């Protein structure tokens, strides 16, 4: 495995671990989640944790890496849209 492949795998594992952390230590993510999802931060926290776990796992595995990066782009857009909507509402 090349060094760049190893780094991508490590990044995927890191994202997946961050997703799992949403369930283990949700208070660490509550503030940032409430800023983007003020109406139902508790549900958004679980959804974000699940998405990050799935996307990170997909990126970590060479067989699913491309779809993982597509998912990461879509997830980034989802977060950006919700942040803009939350700020517009205030």
PDB file of N, CA and C in Angstrom:
ATOM      1  N   UNK A   1       0.857  -1.185   0.000  1.00  0.00           N
ATOM      2  CA  UNK A   1       0.000   0.000   0.000  1.00  0.00           C
ATOM      3  C   UNK A   1       0.894   1.236   0.000  1.00  0.00           C
ATOM      4  N   UNK A   2       0.595   2.191  -0.882  1.00  0.00           N
ATOM      5  CA  UNK A   2       1.395   3.407  -0.959  1.00  0.00           C
ATOM      6  C   UNK A   2       1.127   4.294   0.251  1.00  0.00           C
ATOM      7  N   UNK A   3       2.026   5.252   0.460  1.00  0.00           N
ATOM      8  CA  UNK A   3       1.878   6.163   1.588  1.00  0.00           C
ATOM      9  C   UNK A   3       0.605   6.994   1.466  1.00  0.00           C
ATOM     10  N   UNK A   4       0.285   7.452   0.252  1.00  0.00           N
ATOM     11  CA  UNK A   4      -0.931   8.260   0.084  1.00  0.00           C
ATOM     12  C   UNK A   4      -2.178   7.418   0.336  1.00  0.00           C
ATOM     13  N   UNK A   5      -2.154   6.152  -0.091  1.00  0.00           N
ATOM     14  CA  UNK A   5      -3.268   5.248   0.194  1.00  0.00           C
ATOM     15  C   UNK A   5      -3.423   5.045   1.693  1.00  0.00           C
ATOM     16  N   UNK A   6      -2.304   4.905   2.381  1.00  0.00           N
ATOM     17  CA  UNK A   6      -2.335   4.723   3.831  1.00  0.00           C
ATOM     18  C   UNK A   6      -2.920   5.947   4.528  1.00  0.00           C
ATOM     19  N   UNK A   7      -2.563   7.126   4.032  1.00  0.00           N
ATOM     20  CA  UNK A   7      -3.079   8.357   4.636  1.00  0.00           C
ATOM     21  C   UNK A   7      -4.588   8.490   4.414  1.00  0.00           C
ATOM     22  N   UNK A   8      -5.046   8.120   3.238  1.00  0.00           N
ATOM     23  CA  UNK A   8      -6.484   8.179   2.951  1.00  0.00           C
ATOM     24  C   UNK A   8      -7.219   7.179   3.851  1.00  0.00           C
ATOM     25  N   UNK A   9      -6.660   5.985   3.988  1.00  0.00           N
ATOM     26  CA  UNK A   9      -7.271   4.986   4.880  1.00  0.00           C
ATOM     27  C   UNK A   9      -7.326   5.517   6.302  1.00  0.00           C
ATOM     28  N   UNK A  10      -6.238   6.100   6.761  1.00  0.00           N
ATOM     29  CA  UNK A  10      -6.189   6.660   8.112  1.00  0.00           C
ATOM     30  C   UNK A  10      -7.210   7.784   8.287  1.00  0.00           C
ATOM     31  N   UNK A  11      -7.353   8.636   7.271  1.00  0.00           N
ATOM     32  CA  UNK A  11      -8.348   9.715   7.335  1.00  0.00           C
ATOM     33  C   UNK A  11      -9.762   9.140   7.428  1.00  0.00           C
ATOM     34  N   UNK A  12     -10.033   8.083   6.661  1.00  0.00           N
ATOM     35  CA  UNK A  12     -11.344   7.438   6.727  1.00  0.00           C
ATOM     36  C   UNK A  12     -11.620   6.856   8.099  1.00  0.00           C
ATOM     37  N   UNK A  13     -10.616   6.196   8.657  1.00  0.00           N
ATOM     38  CA  UNK A  13     -10.767   5.631  10.007  1.00  0.00           C
ATOM     39  C   UNK A  13     -11.003   6.750  11.016  1.00  0.00           C
ATOM     40  N   UNK A  14     -10.286   7.854  10.848  1.00  0.00           N
ATOM     41  CA  UNK A  14     -10.479   8.995  11.749  1.00  0.00           C
ATOM     42  C   UNK A  14     -11.882   9.567  11.666  1.00  0.00           C
ATOM     43  N   UNK A  15     -12.417   9.690  10.454  1.00  0.00           N
ATOM     44  CA  UNK A  15     -13.782  10.193  10.292  1.00  0.00           C
ATOM     45  C   UNK A  15     -14.786   9.215  10.889  1.00  0.00           C
ATOM     46  N   UNK A  16     -14.579   7.929  10.668  1.00  0.00           N
ATOM     47  CA  UNK A  16     -15.478   6.923  11.244  1.00  0.00           C
ATOM     48  C   UNK A  16     -15.429   6.968  12.770  1.00  0.00           C
ATOM     49  N   UNK A  17     -14.242   7.132  13.328  1.00  0.00           N
ATOM     50  CA  UNK A  17     -14.106   7.220  14.786  1.00  0.00           C
ATOM     51  C   UNK A  17     -14.807   8.465  15.328  1.00  0.00           C
ATOM     52  N   UNK A  18     -14.719   9.561  14.585  1.00  0.00           N
ATOM     53  CA  UNK A  18     -15.429  10.781  14.989  1.00  0.00           C
ATOM     54  C   UNK A  18     -16.933  10.544  14.970  1.00  0.00           C
ATOM     55  N   UNK A  19     -17.405   9.815  13.969  1.00  0.00           N
ATOM     56  CA  UNK A  19     -18.829   9.479  13.907  1.00  0.00           C
ATOM     57  C   UNK A  19     -19.269   8.663  15.105  1.00  0.00           C
ATOM     58  N   UNK A  20     -18.496   7.660  15.462  1.00  0.00           N
ATOM     59  CA  UNK A  20     -18.809   6.826  16.631  1.00  0.00           C
ATOM     60  C   UNK A  20     -18.789   7.674  17.897  1.00  0.00           C
ATOM     61  N   UNK A  21     -17.853   8.617  17.966  1.00  0.00           N
ATOM     62  CA  UNK A  21     -17.751   9.484  19.144  1.00  0.00           C
ATOM     63  C   UNK A  21     -19.020  10.307  19.368  1.00  0.00           C
ATOM     64  N   UNK A  22     -19.774  10.576  18.311  1.00  0.00           N
ATOM     65  CA  UNK A  22     -21.047  11.291  18.465  1.00  0.00           C
ATOM     66  C   UNK A  22     -21.984  10.527  19.411  1.00  0.00           C
ATOM     67  N   UNK A  23     -21.878   9.216  19.413  1.00  0.00           N
ATOM     68  CA  UNK A  23     -22.743   8.384  20.256  1.00  0.00           C
ATOM     69  C   UNK A  23     -22.133   8.154  21.633  1.00  0.00           C
ATOM     70  N   UNK A  24     -20.809   8.139  21.713  1.00  0.00           N
ATOM     71  CA  UNK A  24     -20.118   7.841  22.973  1.00  0.00           C
ATOM     72  C   UNK A  24     -20.017   9.084  23.856  1.00  0.00           C
ATOM     73  N   UNK A  25     -19.659  10.215  23.256  1.00  0.00           N
ATOM     74  CA  UNK A  25     -19.531  11.480  23.991  1.00  0.00           C
ATOM     75  C   UNK A  25     -20.285  12.590  23.249  1.00  0.00           C
ATOM     76  N   UNK A  26     -21.604  12.497  23.211  1.00  0.00           N
ATOM     77  CA  UNK A  26     -22.383  13.460  22.417  1.00  0.00           C
ATOM     78  C   UNK A  26     -22.208  14.912  22.850  1.00  0.00           C
ATOM     79  N   UNK A  27     -21.918  15.142  24.109  1.00  0.00           N
ATOM     80  CA  UNK A  27     -21.764  16.524  24.566  1.00  0.00           C
ATOM     81  C   UNK A  27     -20.593  17.224  23.889  1.00  0.00           C
ATOM     82  N   UNK A  28     -19.613  16.476  23.422  1.00  0.00           N
ATOM     83  CA  UNK A  28     -18.478  17.072  22.721  1.00  0.00           C
ATOM     84  C   UNK A  28     -18.902  17.693  21.391  1.00  0.00           C
ATOM     85  N   UNK A  29     -20.031  17.248  20.853  1.00  0.00           N
ATOM     86  CA  UNK A  29     -20.496  17.714  19.547  1.00  0.00           C
ATOM     87  C   UNK A  29     -21.776  18.551  19.636  1.00  0.00           C
ATOM     88  N   UNK A  30     -22.345  18.637  20.815  1.00  0.00           N
ATOM     89  CA  UNK A  30     -23.641  19.291  20.967  1.00  0.00           C
ATOM     90  C   UNK A  30     -23.619  20.760  20.534  1.00  0.00           C
ATOM     91  N   UNK A  31     -22.613  21.503  20.943  1.00  0.00           N
ATOM     92  CA  UNK A  31     -22.554  22.933  20.622  1.00  0.00           C
ATOM     93  C   UNK A  31     -22.523  23.197  19.134  1.00  0.00           C
ATOM     94  N   UNK A  32     -21.674  22.493  18.436  1.00  0.00           N
ATOM     95  CA  UNK A  32     -21.554  22.696  16.992  1.00  0.00           C
ATOM     96  C   UNK A  32     -22.800  22.190  16.264  1.00  0.00           C
ATOM     97  N   UNK A  33     -23.400  21.133  16.774  1.00  0.00           N
ATOM     98  CA  UNK A  33     -24.608  20.589  16.154  1.00  0.00           C
ATOM     99  C   UNK A  33     -25.784  21.537  16.348  1.00  0.00           C
ATOM    100  N   UNK A  34     -25.895  22.118  17.526  1.00  0.00           N
ATOM    101  CA  UNK A  34     -26.997  23.051  17.799  1.00  0.00           C
ATOM    102  C   UNK A  34     -26.906  24.288  16.909  1.00  0.00           C
ATOM    103  N   UNK A  35     -25.688  24.690  16.547  1.00  0.00           N
ATOM    104  CA  UNK A  35     -25.529  25.863  15.680  1.00  0.00           C
ATOM    105  C   UNK A  35     -26.094  25.606  14.282  1.00  0.00           C
ATOM    106  N   UNK A  36     -25.960  24.383  13.798  1.00  0.00           N
ATOM    107  CA  UNK A  36     -26.438  24.057  12.447  1.00  0.00           C
ATOM    108  C   UNK A  36     -27.848  23.492  12.438  1.00  0.00           C
ATOM    109  N   UNK A  37     -28.259  22.887  13.542  1.00  0.00           N
ATOM    110  CA  UNK A  37     -29.566  22.217  13.621  1.00  0.00           C
ATOM    111  C   UNK A  37     -30.277  22.623  14.914  1.00  0.00           C
ATOM    112  N   UNK A  38     -30.639  23.890  15.038  1.00  0.00           N
ATOM    113  CA  UNK A  38     -31.209  24.365  16.307  1.00  0.00           C
ATOM    114  C   UNK A  38     -32.573  23.764  16.655  1.00  0.00           C
ATOM    115  N   UNK A  39     -33.324  23.296  15.676  1.00  0.00           N
ATOM    116  CA  UNK A  39     -34.666  22.789  15.953  1.00  0.00           C
ATOM    117  C   UNK A  39     -34.672  21.406  16.596  1.00  0.00           C
ATOM    118  N   UNK A  40     -33.726  20.561  16.247  1.00  0.00           N
ATOM    119  CA  UNK A  40     -33.683  19.204  16.801  1.00  0.00           C
ATOM    120  C   UNK A  40     -32.244  18.695  16.808  1.00  0.00           C
ATOM    121  N   UNK A  41     -31.442  19.288  17.671  1.00  0.00           N
ATOM    122  CA  UNK A  41     -30.020  18.952  17.724  1.00  0.00           C
ATOM    123  C   UNK A  41     -29.799  17.504  18.136  1.00  0.00           C
ATOM    124  N   UNK A  42     -30.637  16.967  19.004  1.00  0.00           N
ATOM    125  CA  UNK A  42     -30.448  15.581  19.471  1.00  0.00           C
ATOM    126  C   UNK A  42     -30.561  14.588  18.318  1.00  0.00           C
ATOM    127  N   UNK A  43     -31.552  14.777  17.463  1.00  0.00           N
ATOM    128  CA  UNK A  43     -31.710  13.889  16.307  1.00  0.00           C
ATOM    129  C   UNK A  43     -30.580  14.121  15.308  1.00  0.00           C
ATOM    130  N   UNK A  44     -30.242  15.375  15.058  1.00  0.00           N
ATOM    131  CA  UNK A  44     -29.172  15.702  14.110  1.00  0.00           C
ATOM    132  C   UNK A  44     -27.843  15.127  14.572  1.00  0.00           C
ATOM    133  N   UNK A  45     -27.614  15.121  15.868  1.00  0.00           N
ATOM    134  CA  UNK A  45     -26.382  14.560  16.417  1.00  0.00           C
ATOM    135  C   UNK A  45     -26.257  13.083  16.059  1.00  0.00           C
ATOM    136  N   UNK A  46     -27.338  12.352  16.155  1.00  0.00           N
ATOM    137  CA  UNK A  46     -27.335  10.926  15.811  1.00  0.00           C
ATOM    138  C   UNK A  46     -27.192  10.711  14.310  1.00  0.00           C
ATOM    139  N   UNK A  47     -27.904  11.515  13.532  1.00  0.00           N
ATOM    140  CA  UNK A  47     -27.808  11.400  12.071  1.00  0.00           C
ATOM    141  C   UNK A  47     -26.377  11.705  11.617  1.00  0.00           C
ATOM    142  N   UNK A  48     -25.805  12.792  12.129  1.00  0.00           N
ATOM    143  CA  UNK A  48     -24.443  13.156  11.746  1.00  0.00           C
ATOM    144  C   UNK A  48     -23.447  12.083  12.162  1.00  0.00           C
ATOM    145  N   UNK A  49     -23.606  11.541  13.348  1.00  0.00           N
ATOM    146  CA  UNK A  49     -22.724  10.474  13.801  1.00  0.00           C
ATOM    147  C   UNK A  49     -22.805   9.249  12.907  1.00  0.00           C
ATOM    148  N   UNK A  50     -24.019   8.885  12.534  1.00  0.00           N
ATOM    149  CA  UNK A  50     -24.206   7.735  11.646  1.00  0.00           C
ATOM    150  C   UNK A  50     -23.625   7.981  10.265  1.00  0.00           C
ATOM    151  N   UNK A  51     -23.846   9.176   9.729  1.00  0.00           N
ATOM    152  CA  UNK A  51     -23.304   9.508   8.411  1.00  0.00           C
ATOM    153  C   UNK A  51     -21.779   9.526   8.427  1.00  0.00           C
ATOM    154  N   UNK A  52     -21.196  10.140   9.442  1.00  0.00           N
ATOM    155  CA  UNK A  52     -19.741  10.197   9.515  1.00  0.00           C
ATOM    156  C   UNK A  52     -19.138   8.807   9.681  1.00  0.00           C
ATOM    157  N   UNK A  53     -19.788   7.955  10.442  1.00  0.00           N
ATOM    158  CA  UNK A  53     -19.307   6.582  10.607  1.00  0.00           C
ATOM    159  C   UNK A  53     -19.347   5.843   9.268  1.00  0.00           C
ATOM    160  N   UNK A  54     -20.453   5.941   8.564  1.00  0.00           N
ATOM    161  CA  UNK A  54     -20.603   5.243   7.283  1.00  0.00           C
ATOM    162  C   UNK A  54     -19.661   5.798   6.222  1.00  0.00           C
ATOM    163  N   UNK A  55     -19.580   7.118   6.118  1.00  0.00           N
ATOM    164  CA  UNK A  55     -18.718   7.732   5.108  1.00  0.00           C
ATOM    165  C   UNK A  55     -17.247   7.442   5.407  1.00  0.00           C
ATOM    166  N   UNK A  56     -16.864   7.570   6.659  1.00  0.00           N
ATOM    167  CA  UNK A  56     -15.480   7.282   7.035  1.00  0.00           C
ATOM    168  C   UNK A  56     -15.099   5.843   6.754  1.00  0.00           C
ATOM    169  N   UNK A  57     -16.002   4.925   7.053  1.00  0.00           N
ATOM    170  CA  UNK A  57     -15.743   3.509   6.766  1.00  0.00           C
ATOM    171  C   UNK A  57     -15.598   3.291   5.270  1.00  0.00           C
ATOM    172  N   UNK A  58     -16.454   3.914   4.491  1.00  0.00           N
ATOM    173  CA  UNK A  58     -16.374   3.771   3.033  1.00  0.00           C
ATOM    174  C   UNK A  58     -15.048   4.318   2.499  1.00  0.00           C
ATOM    175  N   UNK A  59     -14.597   5.437   3.033  1.00  0.00           N
ATOM    176  CA  UNK A  59     -13.325   6.012   2.589  1.00  0.00           C
ATOM    177  C   UNK A  59     -12.150   5.133   3.014  1.00  0.00           C
ATOM    178  N   UNK A  60     -12.242   4.530   4.172  1.00  0.00           N
ATOM    179  CA  UNK A  60     -11.148   3.698   4.678  1.00  0.00           C
ATOM    180  C   UNK A  60     -10.934   2.436   3.849  1.00  0.00           C
ATOM    181  N   UNK A  61     -11.964   1.960   3.195  1.00  0.00           N
ATOM    182  CA  UNK A  61     -11.873   0.721   2.413  1.00  0.00           C
ATOM    183  C   UNK A  61     -11.661   1.041   0.937  1.00  0.00           C
ATOM    184  N   UNK A  62     -10.571   0.561   0.346  1.00  0.00           N
ATOM    185  CA  UNK A  62     -10.290   0.881  -1.057  1.00  0.00           C
ATOM    186  C   UNK A  62     -11.436   0.521  -2.010  1.00  0.00           C
ATOM    187  N   UNK A  63     -12.173  -0.542  -1.726  1.00  0.00           N
ATOM    188  CA  UNK A  63     -13.255  -0.986  -2.613  1.00  0.00           C
ATOM    189  C   UNK A  63     -14.411   0.014  -2.650  1.00  0.00           C
ATOM    190  N   UNK A  64     -14.593   0.789  -1.605  1.00  0.00           N
ATOM    191  CA  UNK A  64     -15.735   1.712  -1.531  1.00  0.00           C
ATOM    192  C   UNK A  64     -15.286   3.169  -1.416  1.00  0.00           C
ATOM    193  N   UNK A  65     -14.015   3.410  -1.622  1.00  0.00           N
ATOM    194  CA  UNK A  65     -13.456   4.751  -1.416  1.00  0.00           C
ATOM    195  C   UNK A  65     -14.112   5.807  -2.292  1.00  0.00           C
ATOM    196  N   UNK A  66     -14.324   5.520  -3.575  1.00  0.00           N
ATOM    197  CA  UNK A  66     -14.911   6.520  -4.478  1.00  0.00           C
ATOM    198  C   UNK A  66     -16.300   6.936  -4.013  1.00  0.00           C
ATOM    199  N   UNK A  67     -17.137   5.964  -3.671  1.00  0.00           N
ATOM    200  CA  UNK A  67     -18.483   6.299  -3.195  1.00  0.00           C
ATOM    201  C   UNK A  67     -18.405   7.026  -1.848  1.00  0.00           C
ATOM    202  N   UNK A  68     -17.393   6.695  -1.053  1.00  0.00           N
ATOM    203  CA  UNK A  68     -17.189   7.399   0.210  1.00  0.00           C
ATOM    204  C   UNK A  68     -16.901   8.872  -0.011  1.00  0.00           C
ATOM    205  N   UNK A  69     -16.078   9.176  -1.009  1.00  0.00           N
ATOM    206  CA  UNK A  69     -15.781  10.579  -1.304  1.00  0.00           C
ATOM    207  C   UNK A  69     -16.994  11.303  -1.879  1.00  0.00           C
ATOM    208  N   UNK A  70     -17.796  10.611  -2.664  1.00  0.00           N
ATOM    209  CA  UNK A  70     -19.052  11.205  -3.140  1.00  0.00           C
ATOM    210  C   UNK A  70     -19.946  11.516  -1.931  1.00  0.00           C
ATOM    211  N   UNK A  71     -20.047  10.556  -1.030  1.00  0.00           N
ATOM    212  CA  UNK A  71     -20.838  10.758   0.183  1.00  0.00           C
ATOM    213  C   UNK A  71     -20.314  11.911   1.015  1.00  0.00           C
ATOM    214  N   UNK A  72     -18.998  12.042   1.098  1.00  0.00           N
ATOM    215  CA  UNK A  72     -18.403  13.134   1.865  1.00  0.00           C
ATOM    216  C   UNK A  72     -18.768  14.485   1.251  1.00  0.00           C
ATOM    217  N   UNK A  73     -18.751  14.566  -0.062  1.00  0.00           N
ATOM    218  CA  UNK A  73     -19.149  15.808  -0.726  1.00  0.00           C
ATOM    219  C   UNK A  73     -20.614  16.150  -0.472  1.00  0.00           C
ATOM    220  N   UNK A  74     -21.465  15.150  -0.572  1.00  0.00           N
ATOM    221  CA  UNK A  74     -22.888  15.359  -0.320  1.00  0.00           C
ATOM    222  C   UNK A  74     -23.142  15.731   1.142  1.00  0.00           C
ATOM    223  N   UNK A  75     -22.422  15.086   2.043  1.00  0.00           N
ATOM    224  CA  UNK A  75     -22.553  15.386   3.473  1.00  0.00           C
ATOM    225  C   UNK A  75     -22.109  16.825   3.750  1.00  0.00           C
ATOM    226  N   UNK A  76     -21.018  17.248   3.123  1.00  0.00           N
ATOM    227  CA  UNK A  76     -20.561  18.630   3.288  1.00  0.00           C
ATOM    228  C   UNK A  76     -21.600  19.630   2.806  1.00  0.00           C
ATOM    229  N   UNK A  77     -22.242  19.320   1.678  1.00  0.00           N
ATOM    230  CA  UNK A  77     -23.297  20.196   1.156  1.00  0.00           C
ATOM    231  C   UNK A  77     -24.493  20.234   2.107  1.00  0.00           C
ATOM    232  N   UNK A  78     -24.868  19.081   2.628  1.00  0.00           N
ATOM    233  CA  UNK A  78     -25.973  18.971   3.596  1.00  0.00           C
ATOM    234  C   UNK A  78     -25.689  19.841   4.819  1.00  0.00           C
ATOM    235  N   UNK A  79     -24.466  19.758   5.340  1.00  0.00           N
ATOM    236  CA  UNK A  79     -24.108  20.569   6.504  1.00  0.00           C
ATOM    237  C   UNK A  79     -24.125  22.059   6.163  1.00  0.00           C
ATOM    238  N   UNK A  80     -23.555  22.406   5.021  1.00  0.00           N
ATOM    239  CA  UNK A  80     -23.491  23.814   4.623  1.00  0.00           C
ATOM    240  C   UNK A  80     -24.884  24.414   4.463  1.00  0.00           C
ATOM    241  N   UNK A  81     -25.776  23.698   3.822  1.00  0.00           N
ATOM    242  CA  UNK A  81     -27.145  24.187   3.625  1.00  0.00           C
ATOM    243  C   UNK A  81     -27.831  24.394   4.974  1.00  0.00           C
ATOM    244  N   UNK A  82     -27.646  23.464   5.888  1.00  0.00           N
ATOM    245  CA  UNK A  82     -28.293  23.602   7.190  1.00  0.00           C
ATOM    246  C   UNK A  82     -27.700  24.729   8.019  1.00  0.00           C
ATOM    247  N   UNK A  83     -26.419  24.967   7.900  1.00  0.00           N
ATOM    248  CA  UNK A  83     -25.802  26.094   8.609  1.00  0.00           C
ATOM    249  C   UNK A  83     -26.339  27.409   8.072  1.00  0.00           C
ATOM    250  N   UNK A  84     -26.434  27.524   6.758  1.00  0.00           N
ATOM    251  CA  UNK A  84     -26.972  28.743   6.142  1.00  0.00           C
ATOM    252  C   UNK A  84     -28.429  28.955   6.564  1.00  0.00           C
ATOM    253  N   UNK A  85     -29.226  27.875   6.532  1.00  0.00           N
ATOM    254  CA  UNK A  85     -30.630  27.997   6.946  1.00  0.00           C
ATOM    255  C   UNK A  85     -30.754  28.405   8.393  1.00  0.00           C
ATOM    256  N   UNK A  86     -29.923  27.845   9.274  1.00  0.00           N
ATOM    257  CA  UNK A  86     -29.991  28.169  10.690  1.00  0.00           C
ATOM    258  C   UNK A  86     -29.605  29.623  10.931  1.00  0.00           C
ATOM    259  N   UNK A  87     -28.606  30.094  10.230  1.00  0.00           N
ATOM    260  CA  UNK A  87     -28.180  31.498  10.394  1.00  0.00           C
ATOM    261  C   UNK A  87     -29.185  32.459   9.811  1.00  0.00           C
ATOM    262  N   UNK A  88     -29.863  32.066   8.738  1.00  0.00           N
ATOM    263  CA  UNK A  88     -30.890  32.921   8.119  1.00  0.00           C
ATOM    264  C   UNK A  88     -32.101  33.066   9.014  1.00  0.00           C
ATOM    265  N   UNK A  89     -32.384  32.032   9.791  1.00  0.00           N
ATOM    266  CA  UNK A  89     -33.552  32.040  10.656  1.00  0.00           C
ATOM    267  C   UNK A  89     -33.382  32.979  11.848  1.00  0.00           C
ATOM    268  N   UNK A  90     -32.133  33.290  12.170  1.00  0.00           N
ATOM    269  CA  UNK A  90     -31.889  34.153  13.340  1.00  0.00           C
ATOM    270  C   UNK A  90     -31.824  35.585  12.987  1.00  0.00           C
TER     271      UNK A  90
END
